[in-house]
Amino acid sequence: MNVKEIRLTPSIDKHDIEVKAKHANNFLKAGDKVKVSVRFRGRELGHTDIGKVVLNQFKELTEEFGNVEKDSVMEGRNMTMFLSPKQD
């Protein structure tokens, strides 16, 4: 079991987040854990609430194949969340 990382930004577009979620779903189907991180640059750091919204959208798009192992946490300039594959 590997940990794969998906990197996002707070200003990500709807289609782009859907593509990234599709990649994450493929990783989860293969049995890998997924680390989803939102990188804040410059003034974006003052708007961490937007990062939470992005991670919640990502969580909804991947809920069919994965469970949230560790919810969103700020680590420096990154907000991270861990997903693990659903057990059958």
Protein backbone atom coordinates (compact mmCIF):
# COMPACT_ATOMS: atom_id res chain seq x y z
CA MET A 1 0.00 0.00 0.00
CA ASN A 2 1.47 3.32 -1.11
CA VAL A 3 0.54 6.89 -0.28
CA LYS A 4 -0.16 8.95 -3.41
CA GLU A 5 -0.36 12.74 -3.23
CA ILE A 6 -2.79 15.00 -5.09
CA ARG A 7 -1.95 18.73 -4.99
CA LEU A 8 -4.63 21.39 -5.36
CA THR A 9 -4.83 25.18 -5.13
CA PRO A 10 -7.62 27.25 -3.58
CA SER A 11 -8.49 28.75 -6.98
CA ILE A 12 -8.96 25.40 -8.75
CA ASP A 13 -11.70 25.20 -11.39
CA LYS A 14 -14.61 22.74 -11.18
CA HIS A 15 -13.45 20.61 -14.13
CA ASP A 16 -9.88 20.47 -12.83
CA ILE A 17 -10.99 19.21 -9.41
CA GLU A 18 -13.14 16.56 -11.11
CA VAL A 19 -10.10 15.34 -13.10
CA LYS A 20 -7.95 15.22 -9.93
CA ALA A 21 -10.73 13.36 -8.09
CA LYS A 22 -10.89 10.82 -10.91
CA HIS A 23 -7.15 10.18 -10.50
CA ALA A 24 -7.64 9.81 -6.73
CA ASN A 25 -10.50 7.35 -7.29
CA ASN A 26 -8.19 5.25 -9.48
CA PHE A 27 -5.56 5.24 -6.72
CA LEU A 28 -8.18 4.26 -4.13
CA LYS A 29 -9.50 1.45 -6.36
CA ALA A 30 -5.94 0.14 -6.61
CA GLY A 31 -5.77 0.02 -2.79
CA ASP A 32 -3.50 3.03 -2.23
CA LYS A 33 -4.00 5.79 0.31
CA VAL A 34 -4.30 9.35 -1.00
CA LYS A 35 -2.91 12.52 0.58
CA VAL A 36 -4.78 15.56 -0.72
CA SER A 37 -3.04 18.88 -0.13
CA VAL A 38 -4.07 22.45 -0.87
CA ARG A 39 -1.08 24.80 -1.23
CA PHE A 40 -1.61 28.44 -0.20
CA ARG A 41 0.59 31.12 -1.77
CA GLY A 42 0.89 34.77 -0.78
CA ARG A 43 -2.39 36.36 0.26
CA GLU A 44 -4.26 33.08 -0.19
CA LEU A 45 -3.03 32.16 3.30
CA GLY A 46 -5.58 34.62 4.72
CA HIS A 47 -8.42 32.68 3.08
CA THR A 48 -8.01 29.16 4.42
CA ASP A 49 -11.80 28.81 4.42
CA ILE A 50 -11.66 28.52 0.62
CA GLY A 51 -9.23 25.62 1.01
CA LYS A 52 -11.71 23.85 3.29
CA VAL A 53 -14.43 24.28 0.65
CA VAL A 54 -12.12 22.78 -2.00
CA LEU A 55 -11.30 19.79 0.23
CA ASN A 56 -15.00 19.24 1.00
CA GLN A 57 -15.80 19.21 -2.73
CA PHE A 58 -12.96 16.73 -3.26
CA LYS A 59 -14.27 14.57 -0.40
CA GLU A 60 -17.74 14.45 -2.00
CA LEU A 61 -16.29 13.43 -5.37
CA THR A 62 -14.26 10.57 -3.85
CA GLU A 63 -16.71 9.26 -1.22
CA GLU A 64 -17.73 6.32 -3.42
CA PHE A 65 -14.26 4.75 -3.27
CA GLY A 66 -12.64 6.21 -0.15
CA ASN A 67 -13.12 7.19 3.47
CA VAL A 68 -11.55 10.17 5.20
CA GLU A 69 -8.79 8.80 7.39
CA LYS A 70 -7.61 12.17 8.69
CA ASP A 71 -9.67 15.33 8.16
CA SER A 72 -8.24 18.64 6.92
CA VAL A 73 -5.39 20.06 9.00
CA MET A 74 -3.17 23.09 8.37
CA GLU A 75 0.55 22.27 8.20
CA GLY A 76 2.47 25.46 7.47
CA ARG A 77 1.27 26.71 4.06
CA ASN A 78 -0.52 23.44 3.22
CA MET A 79 -3.91 22.09 4.26
CA THR A 80 -3.89 18.30 4.06
CA MET A 81 -6.42 15.49 4.25
CA PHE A 82 -5.84 11.73 4.03
CA LEU A 83 -8.17 9.29 2.27
CA SER A 84 -8.07 5.51 2.59
CA PRO A 85 -9.75 2.96 0.31
CA LYS A 86 -13.13 1.61 1.39
CA GLN A 87 -13.07 -1.91 2.75
CA ASP A 88 -15.40 -4.38 1.05
